[in-house]
Amino acid sequence: MIKDIVVNLALGAETDPACRYAISLAEAYNAHITGVAFAYEPPWPPSIMEGAVIDVYRTAKDDQQKKAKEAVARFERSTKQSQLSAQPLVIEASLLAATDAFAALGRTSDLVVVGQAEPDGSAAAQDMVEAALFASGRPTLIVPYIQKSGFSVDDVLCCWDGSRAAARAIGDSLPLLKKAKSVKVLTVVTGKFDEKDVSGADVATHLARHGINTEVVRIPAADIDVANAILSHAADTDASMIVMGGFGHSRLREFVLGGATRGLLQSMTIPTLMSH
């Protein structure tokens, strides 16, 4: 069961789709929710500043603190209305320390919720997604910045390629799949399409043993990349959530994302649960 959720709160935004979605998810599972807002410290060390420069530093730091407090206040108002068990947190840290702190919070939660990075947004949002996915050790649910509706698992699309990450994602998503009205196991075929291939049938059998009825779907993707094939099928079937493995590795603290993972994170239109 999902009983402990942590969500990264957006700063300086009029609305926070990830926060709103996480709260509605917590309501569905009667779960505790922690909302954390990071007041990012400016990247310039104050020890080398003087005069007007240090005034700029202080102004930037005060602005971050103000935005973090506003985000937490919005979170508190929403959770009080829902009568949820909730914990607001404001943490002052550099961006690097903040990603480490967020990953650490995630390790003692059942689910980490983050907002998708906007194309013209700050690097912090993407760094938080990658920290949650690759460093928390917990399933990460990424909410699109265009998300309007709350939590729904009416139609869940589970992406399956037989990999360790895909197996981990499906295992982590069981509490969600058990609430779903419809579950599809999707295999994207990038090579020669063989209609007799039964890829996905084994994981469908596994889910059936958990009382989850599934439909196995295989689609060819000879002319488009895997991410676009998944998103196109999700749109065609009006899916409410995608479940998939997240691929990537660290290269001196900089995450190098797999092609499908990068494509989904950039172009997602529905909430996506990823596990690594």
C-alpha atoms as a PDB file:
ATOM      1  CA  MET A   1       0.000   0.000   0.000  1.00  0.00           C
ATOM      2  CA  ILE A   2       0.962   3.619  -0.450  1.00  0.00           C
ATOM      3  CA  LYS A   3       1.017   5.235   2.978  1.00  0.00           C
ATOM      4  CA  ASP A   4       3.875   7.742   2.779  1.00  0.00           C
ATOM      5  CA  ILE A   5       4.333  10.242  -0.064  1.00  0.00           C
ATOM      6  CA  VAL A   6       6.836  13.040  -0.545  1.00  0.00           C
ATOM      7  CA  VAL A   7       6.346  15.787  -3.132  1.00  0.00           C
ATOM      8  CA  ASN A   8       8.694  18.516  -4.314  1.00  0.00           C
ATOM      9  CA  LEU A   9       6.843  21.838  -4.229  1.00  0.00           C
ATOM     10  CA  ALA A  10       7.213  24.280  -7.096  1.00  0.00           C
ATOM     11  CA  LEU A  11       8.540  27.761  -6.332  1.00  0.00           C
ATOM     12  CA  GLY A  12       7.131  30.975  -7.723  1.00  0.00           C
ATOM     13  CA  ALA A  13       4.247  29.312  -9.549  1.00  0.00           C
ATOM     14  CA  GLU A  14       0.607  30.350  -9.403  1.00  0.00           C
ATOM     15  CA  THR A  15      -0.406  26.697  -9.558  1.00  0.00           C
ATOM     16  CA  ASP A  16       1.497  23.533  -8.722  1.00  0.00           C
ATOM     17  CA  PRO A  17       0.136  20.521 -10.677  1.00  0.00           C
ATOM     18  CA  ALA A  18       2.483  18.061  -8.949  1.00  0.00           C
ATOM     19  CA  CYS A  19       1.388  19.202  -5.494  1.00  0.00           C
ATOM     20  CA  ARG A  20      -2.291  19.097  -6.393  1.00  0.00           C
ATOM     21  CA  TYR A  21      -1.927  15.637  -7.943  1.00  0.00           C
ATOM     22  CA  ALA A  22       0.069  14.283  -4.986  1.00  0.00           C
ATOM     23  CA  ILE A  23      -2.565  15.496  -2.527  1.00  0.00           C
ATOM     24  CA  SER A  24      -5.371  13.834  -4.505  1.00  0.00           C
ATOM     25  CA  LEU A  25      -3.300  10.620  -4.564  1.00  0.00           C
ATOM     26  CA  ALA A  26      -2.780  10.825  -0.805  1.00  0.00           C
ATOM     27  CA  GLU A  27      -6.554  11.224  -0.396  1.00  0.00           C
ATOM     28  CA  ALA A  28      -7.156   8.060  -2.453  1.00  0.00           C
ATOM     29  CA  TYR A  29      -4.837   6.011  -0.208  1.00  0.00           C
ATOM     30  CA  ASN A  30      -5.361   7.881   3.068  1.00  0.00           C
ATOM     31  CA  ALA A  31      -1.611   8.416   3.055  1.00  0.00           C
ATOM     32  CA  HIS A  32       0.671  10.803   4.906  1.00  0.00           C
ATOM     33  CA  ILE A  33       2.190  13.430   2.617  1.00  0.00           C
ATOM     34  CA  THR A  34       5.332  15.510   3.048  1.00  0.00           C
ATOM     35  CA  GLY A  35       5.630  18.660   0.962  1.00  0.00           C
ATOM     36  CA  VAL A  36       9.155  20.031   0.699  1.00  0.00           C
ATOM     37  CA  ALA A  37      10.117  23.416  -0.726  1.00  0.00           C
ATOM     38  CA  PHE A  38      13.781  24.131  -1.326  1.00  0.00           C
ATOM     39  CA  ALA A  39      15.062  27.678  -0.902  1.00  0.00           C
ATOM     40  CA  TYR A  40      18.063  27.465  -3.184  1.00  0.00           C
ATOM     41  CA  GLU A  41      21.152  29.312  -2.089  1.00  0.00           C
ATOM     42  CA  PRO A  42      22.691  31.513  -4.801  1.00  0.00           C
ATOM     43  CA  PRO A  43      25.716  29.813  -6.387  1.00  0.00           C
ATOM     44  CA  TRP A  44      28.165  32.572  -5.412  1.00  0.00           C
ATOM     45  CA  PRO A  45      30.100  32.144  -2.152  1.00  0.00           C
ATOM     46  CA  PRO A  46      29.542  35.234   0.060  1.00  0.00           C
ATOM     47  CA  SER A  47      33.163  35.080   1.243  1.00  0.00           C
ATOM     48  CA  ILE A  48      34.367  36.542  -2.084  1.00  0.00           C
ATOM     49  CA  MET A  49      31.754  39.308  -2.243  1.00  0.00           C
ATOM     50  CA  GLU A  50      31.669  42.847  -1.080  1.00  0.00           C
ATOM     51  CA  GLY A  51      29.577  45.952  -1.464  1.00  0.00           C
ATOM     52  CA  ALA A  52      26.780  45.880  -4.044  1.00  0.00           C
ATOM     53  CA  VAL A  53      27.478  42.262  -5.023  1.00  0.00           C
ATOM     54  CA  ILE A  54      26.682  40.943  -1.578  1.00  0.00           C
ATOM     55  CA  ASP A  55      23.457  42.965  -1.612  1.00  0.00           C
ATOM     56  CA  VAL A  56      22.468  41.128  -4.806  1.00  0.00           C
ATOM     57  CA  TYR A  57      23.287  37.838  -3.076  1.00  0.00           C
ATOM     58  CA  ARG A  58      21.112  38.681  -0.086  1.00  0.00           C
ATOM     59  CA  THR A  59      18.243  39.799  -2.305  1.00  0.00           C
ATOM     60  CA  ALA A  60      18.380  36.552  -4.291  1.00  0.00           C
ATOM     61  CA  LYS A  61      18.500  34.479  -1.123  1.00  0.00           C
ATOM     62  CA  ASP A  62      15.574  36.370   0.439  1.00  0.00           C
ATOM     63  CA  ASP A  63      13.560  35.859  -2.763  1.00  0.00           C
ATOM     64  CA  GLN A  64      14.126  32.097  -2.632  1.00  0.00           C
ATOM     65  CA  GLN A  65      13.099  31.960   1.028  1.00  0.00           C
ATOM     66  CA  LYS A  66       9.942  33.944   0.304  1.00  0.00           C
ATOM     67  CA  LYS A  67       8.962  31.659  -2.597  1.00  0.00           C
ATOM     68  CA  ALA A  68       9.610  28.526  -0.527  1.00  0.00           C
ATOM     69  CA  LYS A  69       7.426  29.822   2.320  1.00  0.00           C
ATOM     70  CA  GLU A  70       4.650  30.682  -0.148  1.00  0.00           C
ATOM     71  CA  ALA A  71       4.818  27.168  -1.645  1.00  0.00           C
ATOM     72  CA  VAL A  72       4.585  25.576   1.802  1.00  0.00           C
ATOM     73  CA  ALA A  73       1.674  27.834   2.771  1.00  0.00           C
ATOM     74  CA  ARG A  74      -0.211  26.750  -0.363  1.00  0.00           C
ATOM     75  CA  PHE A  75       0.534  23.097   0.495  1.00  0.00           C
ATOM     76  CA  GLU A  76      -0.711  23.550   4.078  1.00  0.00           C
ATOM     77  CA  ARG A  77      -3.964  25.166   2.936  1.00  0.00           C
ATOM     78  CA  SER A  78      -4.685  22.289   0.555  1.00  0.00           C
ATOM     79  CA  THR A  79      -3.856  19.501   2.999  1.00  0.00           C
ATOM     80  CA  LYS A  80      -5.949  21.077   5.771  1.00  0.00           C
ATOM     81  CA  GLN A  81      -8.937  21.163   3.424  1.00  0.00           C
ATOM     82  CA  SER A  82      -8.378  17.461   2.708  1.00  0.00           C
ATOM     83  CA  GLN A  83      -7.819  16.651   6.397  1.00  0.00           C
ATOM     84  CA  LEU A  84      -4.690  14.710   5.510  1.00  0.00           C
ATOM     85  CA  SER A  85      -1.768  13.852   7.736  1.00  0.00           C
ATOM     86  CA  ALA A  86       0.813  16.253   6.327  1.00  0.00           C
ATOM     87  CA  GLN A  87       4.255  17.644   7.033  1.00  0.00           C
ATOM     88  CA  PRO A  88       5.504  20.855   5.383  1.00  0.00           C
ATOM     89  CA  LEU A  89       9.257  21.408   5.085  1.00  0.00           C
ATOM     90  CA  VAL A  90      11.394  24.338   3.987  1.00  0.00           C
ATOM     91  CA  ILE A  91      15.039  23.461   3.392  1.00  0.00           C
ATOM     92  CA  GLU A  92      17.743  26.005   2.543  1.00  0.00           C
ATOM     93  CA  ALA A  93      20.482  24.413   0.455  1.00  0.00           C
ATOM     94  CA  SER A  94      22.564  24.699  -2.665  1.00  0.00           C
ATOM     95  CA  LEU A  95      21.093  22.952  -5.705  1.00  0.00           C
ATOM     96  CA  LEU A  96      23.527  20.052  -5.315  1.00  0.00           C
ATOM     97  CA  ALA A  97      22.751  19.635  -1.617  1.00  0.00           C
ATOM     98  CA  ALA A  98      19.031  19.988  -2.304  1.00  0.00           C
ATOM     99  CA  THR A  99      18.985  17.072  -4.756  1.00  0.00           C
ATOM    100  CA  ASP A 100      20.818  14.927  -2.204  1.00  0.00           C
ATOM    101  CA  ALA A 101      18.355  15.943   0.526  1.00  0.00           C
ATOM    102  CA  PHE A 102      15.333  15.231  -1.681  1.00  0.00           C
ATOM    103  CA  ALA A 103      16.657  11.790  -2.614  1.00  0.00           C
ATOM    104  CA  ALA A 104      17.225  11.056   1.082  1.00  0.00           C
ATOM    105  CA  LEU A 105      13.635  12.049   1.906  1.00  0.00           C
ATOM    106  CA  GLY A 106      12.437   9.768  -0.855  1.00  0.00           C
ATOM    107  CA  ARG A 107      14.230   6.751   0.602  1.00  0.00           C
ATOM    108  CA  THR A 108      11.895   6.699   3.587  1.00  0.00           C
ATOM    109  CA  SER A 109       8.737   7.174   1.513  1.00  0.00           C
ATOM    110  CA  ASP A 110       6.601   4.816  -0.534  1.00  0.00           C
ATOM    111  CA  LEU A 111       6.364   7.174  -3.485  1.00  0.00           C
ATOM    112  CA  VAL A 112       8.139  10.335  -4.669  1.00  0.00           C
ATOM    113  CA  VAL A 113       6.140  12.873  -6.686  1.00  0.00           C
ATOM    114  CA  VAL A 114       7.808  15.575  -8.787  1.00  0.00           C
ATOM    115  CA  GLY A 115       6.737  17.984 -11.471  1.00  0.00           C
ATOM    116  CA  GLN A 116       7.952  17.698 -15.051  1.00  0.00           C
ATOM    117  CA  ALA A 117      10.552  20.307 -15.945  1.00  0.00           C
ATOM    118  CA  GLU A 118       9.166  22.989 -18.245  1.00  0.00           C
ATOM    119  CA  PRO A 119      11.079  23.613 -21.498  1.00  0.00           C
ATOM    120  CA  ASP A 120      12.108  27.145 -20.482  1.00  0.00           C
ATOM    121  CA  GLY A 121      12.195  26.515 -16.745  1.00  0.00           C
ATOM    122  CA  SER A 122      15.124  26.347 -14.368  1.00  0.00           C
ATOM    123  CA  ALA A 123      17.537  23.415 -14.265  1.00  0.00           C
ATOM    124  CA  ALA A 124      16.454  22.694 -10.685  1.00  0.00           C
ATOM    125  CA  ALA A 125      13.205  20.970 -11.731  1.00  0.00           C
ATOM    126  CA  GLN A 126      14.996  18.505 -14.013  1.00  0.00           C
ATOM    127  CA  ASP A 127      17.694  17.906 -11.399  1.00  0.00           C
ATOM    128  CA  MET A 128      15.002  17.004  -8.862  1.00  0.00           C
ATOM    129  CA  VAL A 129      13.374  14.539 -11.271  1.00  0.00           C
ATOM    130  CA  GLU A 130      16.705  12.824 -11.875  1.00  0.00           C
ATOM    131  CA  ALA A 131      17.621  12.794  -8.166  1.00  0.00           C
ATOM    132  CA  ALA A 132      14.294  11.166  -7.289  1.00  0.00           C
ATOM    133  CA  LEU A 133      14.490   8.620 -10.094  1.00  0.00           C
ATOM    134  CA  PHE A 134      18.132   7.585  -9.843  1.00  0.00           C
ATOM    135  CA  ALA A 135      19.118   8.299  -6.236  1.00  0.00           C
ATOM    136  CA  SER A 136      16.069   7.732  -4.005  1.00  0.00           C
ATOM    137  CA  GLY A 137      15.628   4.017  -4.632  1.00  0.00           C
ATOM    138  CA  ARG A 138      11.864   4.563  -4.673  1.00  0.00           C
ATOM    139  CA  PRO A 139       9.297   4.774  -7.490  1.00  0.00           C
ATOM    140  CA  THR A 140       8.985   8.284  -8.882  1.00  0.00           C
ATOM    141  CA  LEU A 141       5.759   9.703 -10.267  1.00  0.00           C
ATOM    142  CA  ILE A 142       6.370  12.612 -12.646  1.00  0.00           C
ATOM    143  CA  VAL A 143       3.412  14.944 -13.185  1.00  0.00           C
ATOM    144  CA  PRO A 144       3.242  16.953 -16.437  1.00  0.00           C
ATOM    145  CA  TYR A 145       3.374  20.710 -16.061  1.00  0.00           C
ATOM    146  CA  ILE A 146       0.151  20.837 -18.122  1.00  0.00           C
ATOM    147  CA  GLN A 147      -1.714  18.451 -15.782  1.00  0.00           C
ATOM    148  CA  LYS A 148      -5.162  19.742 -14.841  1.00  0.00           C
ATOM    149  CA  SER A 149      -6.937  16.778 -13.280  1.00  0.00           C
ATOM    150  CA  GLY A 150      -6.200  14.956 -10.051  1.00  0.00           C
ATOM    151  CA  PHE A 151      -5.186  11.364  -9.443  1.00  0.00           C
ATOM    152  CA  SER A 152      -6.761   8.760 -11.724  1.00  0.00           C
ATOM    153  CA  VAL A 153      -5.951   5.183 -12.677  1.00  0.00           C
ATOM    154  CA  ASP A 154      -8.912   4.567 -14.958  1.00  0.00           C
ATOM    155  CA  ASP A 155      -6.635   3.255 -17.719  1.00  0.00           C
ATOM    156  CA  VAL A 156      -2.997   2.413 -16.948  1.00  0.00           C
ATOM    157  CA  LEU A 157      -0.442   1.658 -19.629  1.00  0.00           C
ATOM    158  CA  CYS A 158       2.474  -0.519 -18.439  1.00  0.00           C
ATOM    159  CA  CYS A 159       5.459  -0.474 -20.789  1.00  0.00           C
ATOM    160  CA  TRP A 160       7.246  -3.815 -20.977  1.00  0.00           C
ATOM    161  CA  ASP A 161      10.557  -4.729 -22.615  1.00  0.00           C
ATOM    162  CA  GLY A 162      11.626  -7.512 -20.284  1.00  0.00           C
ATOM    163  CA  SER A 163      14.276  -5.372 -18.605  1.00  0.00           C
ATOM    164  CA  ARG A 164      15.137  -5.099 -14.918  1.00  0.00           C
ATOM    165  CA  ALA A 165      13.881  -1.494 -14.809  1.00  0.00           C
ATOM    166  CA  ALA A 166      10.553  -2.424 -16.404  1.00  0.00           C
ATOM    167  CA  ALA A 167      10.102  -5.270 -13.908  1.00  0.00           C
ATOM    168  CA  ARG A 168      10.913  -2.909 -11.049  1.00  0.00           C
ATOM    169  CA  ALA A 169       8.390  -0.326 -12.299  1.00  0.00           C
ATOM    170  CA  ILE A 170       5.576  -2.851 -12.611  1.00  0.00           C
ATOM    171  CA  GLY A 171       6.332  -4.263  -9.157  1.00  0.00           C
ATOM    172  CA  ASP A 172       6.416  -0.778  -7.644  1.00  0.00           C
ATOM    173  CA  SER A 173       3.137   0.151  -9.311  1.00  0.00           C
ATOM    174  CA  LEU A 174       1.095  -2.781  -7.928  1.00  0.00           C
ATOM    175  CA  PRO A 175      -0.792  -0.615  -5.383  1.00  0.00           C
ATOM    176  CA  LEU A 176      -1.852   1.637  -8.268  1.00  0.00           C
ATOM    177  CA  LEU A 177      -2.671  -1.212 -10.655  1.00  0.00           C
ATOM    178  CA  LYS A 178      -4.935  -2.849  -8.078  1.00  0.00           C
ATOM    179  CA  LYS A 179      -7.109   0.289  -8.145  1.00  0.00           C
ATOM    180  CA  ALA A 180      -7.093   0.550 -11.942  1.00  0.00           C
ATOM    181  CA  LYS A 181     -10.186  -0.043 -14.032  1.00  0.00           C
ATOM    182  CA  SER A 182      -8.100  -1.092 -17.045  1.00  0.00           C
ATOM    183  CA  VAL A 183      -4.469  -2.201 -17.347  1.00  0.00           C
ATOM    184  CA  LYS A 184      -2.633  -2.717 -20.610  1.00  0.00           C
ATOM    185  CA  VAL A 185       0.838  -4.231 -20.980  1.00  0.00           C
ATOM    186  CA  LEU A 186       2.454  -2.494 -23.935  1.00  0.00           C
ATOM    187  CA  THR A 187       5.447  -3.776 -25.882  1.00  0.00           C
ATOM    188  CA  VAL A 188       6.927  -1.523 -28.558  1.00  0.00           C
ATOM    189  CA  VAL A 189       8.538  -3.524 -31.356  1.00  0.00           C
ATOM    190  CA  THR A 190      11.397  -1.664 -33.013  1.00  0.00           C
ATOM    191  CA  GLY A 191      12.578  -4.534 -35.214  1.00  0.00           C
ATOM    192  CA  LYS A 192      10.663  -6.963 -37.403  1.00  0.00           C
ATOM    193  CA  PHE A 193       7.073  -7.280 -36.239  1.00  0.00           C
ATOM    194  CA  ASP A 194       5.982 -10.877 -35.680  1.00  0.00           C
ATOM    195  CA  GLU A 195       2.281 -11.293 -34.938  1.00  0.00           C
ATOM    196  CA  LYS A 196       2.985 -14.666 -33.302  1.00  0.00           C
ATOM    197  CA  ASP A 197       5.308 -13.110 -30.718  1.00  0.00           C
ATOM    198  CA  VAL A 198       3.830 -13.337 -27.208  1.00  0.00           C
ATOM    199  CA  SER A 199       6.024 -10.729 -25.490  1.00  0.00           C
ATOM    200  CA  GLY A 200       4.233  -9.392 -22.462  1.00  0.00           C
ATOM    201  CA  ALA A 201       2.094 -12.475 -21.862  1.00  0.00           C
ATOM    202  CA  ASP A 202       4.313 -13.610 -18.984  1.00  0.00           C
ATOM    203  CA  VAL A 203       4.003 -10.336 -17.079  1.00  0.00           C
ATOM    204  CA  ALA A 204       0.247 -10.316 -17.752  1.00  0.00           C
ATOM    205  CA  THR A 205       0.071 -13.760 -16.138  1.00  0.00           C
ATOM    206  CA  HIS A 206       2.033 -12.443 -13.166  1.00  0.00           C
ATOM    207  CA  LEU A 207      -0.360  -9.509 -12.735  1.00  0.00           C
ATOM    208  CA  ALA A 208      -3.367 -11.847 -13.018  1.00  0.00           C
ATOM    209  CA  ARG A 209      -2.063 -13.700  -9.962  1.00  0.00           C
ATOM    210  CA  HIS A 210      -2.439 -10.409  -8.104  1.00  0.00           C
ATOM    211  CA  GLY A 211      -6.043 -10.178  -9.261  1.00  0.00           C
ATOM    212  CA  ILE A 212      -5.231  -7.634 -11.998  1.00  0.00           C
ATOM    213  CA  ASN A 213      -6.777  -8.355 -15.376  1.00  0.00           C
ATOM    214  CA  THR A 214      -4.632  -7.069 -18.228  1.00  0.00           C
ATOM    215  CA  GLU A 215      -4.664  -6.742 -21.965  1.00  0.00           C
ATOM    216  CA  VAL A 216      -1.417  -7.390 -23.833  1.00  0.00           C
ATOM    217  CA  VAL A 217      -0.733  -4.946 -26.666  1.00  0.00           C
ATOM    218  CA  ARG A 218       2.164  -4.982 -29.134  1.00  0.00           C
ATOM    219  CA  ILE A 219       2.732  -2.114 -31.547  1.00  0.00           C
ATOM    220  CA  PRO A 220       5.341  -1.635 -34.282  1.00  0.00           C
ATOM    221  CA  ALA A 221       7.605   1.407 -34.177  1.00  0.00           C
ATOM    222  CA  ALA A 222       9.678   1.157 -37.311  1.00  0.00           C
ATOM    223  CA  ASP A 223       9.327   4.824 -38.280  1.00  0.00           C
ATOM    224  CA  ILE A 224       9.206   6.614 -34.901  1.00  0.00           C
ATOM    225  CA  ASP A 225      11.175   6.406 -31.681  1.00  0.00           C
ATOM    226  CA  VAL A 226       9.954   4.404 -28.693  1.00  0.00           C
ATOM    227  CA  ALA A 227       8.949   7.432 -26.605  1.00  0.00           C
ATOM    228  CA  ASN A 228       6.732   8.840 -29.344  1.00  0.00           C
ATOM    229  CA  ALA A 229       5.212   5.402 -29.962  1.00  0.00           C
ATOM    230  CA  ILE A 230       4.280   5.122 -26.274  1.00  0.00           C
ATOM    231  CA  LEU A 231       2.859   8.649 -26.077  1.00  0.00           C
ATOM    232  CA  SER A 232       0.910   8.199 -29.305  1.00  0.00           C
ATOM    233  CA  HIS A 233      -0.653   4.964 -28.072  1.00  0.00           C
ATOM    234  CA  ALA A 234      -1.418   6.551 -24.692  1.00  0.00           C
ATOM    235  CA  ALA A 235      -3.236   9.398 -26.448  1.00  0.00           C
ATOM    236  CA  ASP A 236      -5.132   7.034 -28.767  1.00  0.00           C
ATOM    237  CA  THR A 237      -6.363   4.930 -25.840  1.00  0.00           C
ATOM    238  CA  ASP A 238      -7.005   7.849 -23.466  1.00  0.00           C
ATOM    239  CA  ALA A 239      -4.637   6.397 -20.861  1.00  0.00           C
ATOM    240  CA  SER A 240      -4.565   8.132 -17.483  1.00  0.00           C
ATOM    241  CA  MET A 241      -1.103   6.933 -16.391  1.00  0.00           C
ATOM    242  CA  ILE A 242       2.040   5.379 -17.848  1.00  0.00           C
ATOM    243  CA  VAL A 243       4.260   2.942 -15.941  1.00  0.00           C
ATOM    244  CA  MET A 244       7.775   2.316 -17.257  1.00  0.00           C
ATOM    245  CA  GLY A 245      11.364   1.686 -16.303  1.00  0.00           C
ATOM    246  CA  GLY A 246      13.684   4.664 -16.127  1.00  0.00           C
ATOM    247  CA  PHE A 247      17.064   4.249 -17.777  1.00  0.00           C
ATOM    248  CA  GLY A 248      20.179   6.298 -17.186  1.00  0.00           C
ATOM    249  CA  HIS A 249      23.569   6.398 -15.528  1.00  0.00           C
ATOM    250  CA  SER A 250      25.678   8.930 -13.711  1.00  0.00           C
ATOM    251  CA  ARG A 251      28.707  10.485 -15.354  1.00  0.00           C
ATOM    252  CA  LEU A 252      30.498  12.513 -12.677  1.00  0.00           C
ATOM    253  CA  ARG A 253      27.211  13.610 -11.064  1.00  0.00           C
ATOM    254  CA  GLU A 254      25.580  14.400 -14.402  1.00  0.00           C
ATOM    255  CA  PHE A 255      22.883  11.921 -15.347  1.00  0.00           C
ATOM    256  CA  VAL A 256      22.906  10.591 -18.883  1.00  0.00           C
ATOM    257  CA  LEU A 257      19.356   9.515 -19.672  1.00  0.00           C
ATOM    258  CA  GLY A 258      18.304   6.649 -21.917  1.00  0.00           C
ATOM    259  CA  GLY A 259      16.537   7.612 -25.132  1.00  0.00           C
ATOM    260  CA  ALA A 260      13.005   6.541 -24.182  1.00  0.00           C
ATOM    261  CA  THR A 261      13.346   7.969 -20.667  1.00  0.00           C
ATOM    262  CA  ARG A 262      14.569  11.308 -21.993  1.00  0.00           C
ATOM    263  CA  GLY A 263      11.806  11.404 -24.605  1.00  0.00           C
ATOM    264  CA  LEU A 264       9.044  10.703 -22.077  1.00  0.00           C
ATOM    265  CA  LEU A 265      10.373  13.249 -19.584  1.00  0.00           C
ATOM    266  CA  GLN A 266      10.477  15.929 -22.278  1.00  0.00           C
ATOM    267  CA  SER A 267       7.148  15.237 -23.977  1.00  0.00           C
ATOM    268  CA  MET A 268       4.865  13.518 -21.429  1.00  0.00           C
ATOM    269  CA  THR A 269       1.214  14.475 -21.433  1.00  0.00           C
ATOM    270  CA  ILE A 270      -0.014  12.234 -18.603  1.00  0.00           C
ATOM    271  CA  PRO A 271       1.451  11.292 -15.196  1.00  0.00           C
ATOM    272  CA  THR A 272       4.194   8.699 -15.530  1.00  0.00           C
ATOM    273  CA  LEU A 273       5.531   6.382 -12.844  1.00  0.00           C
ATOM    274  CA  MET A 274       9.165   5.426 -13.376  1.00  0.00           C
ATOM    275  CA  SER A 275      11.469   3.130 -11.420  1.00  0.00           C
ATOM    276  CA  HIS A 276      15.170   2.560 -11.893  1.00  0.00           C
END
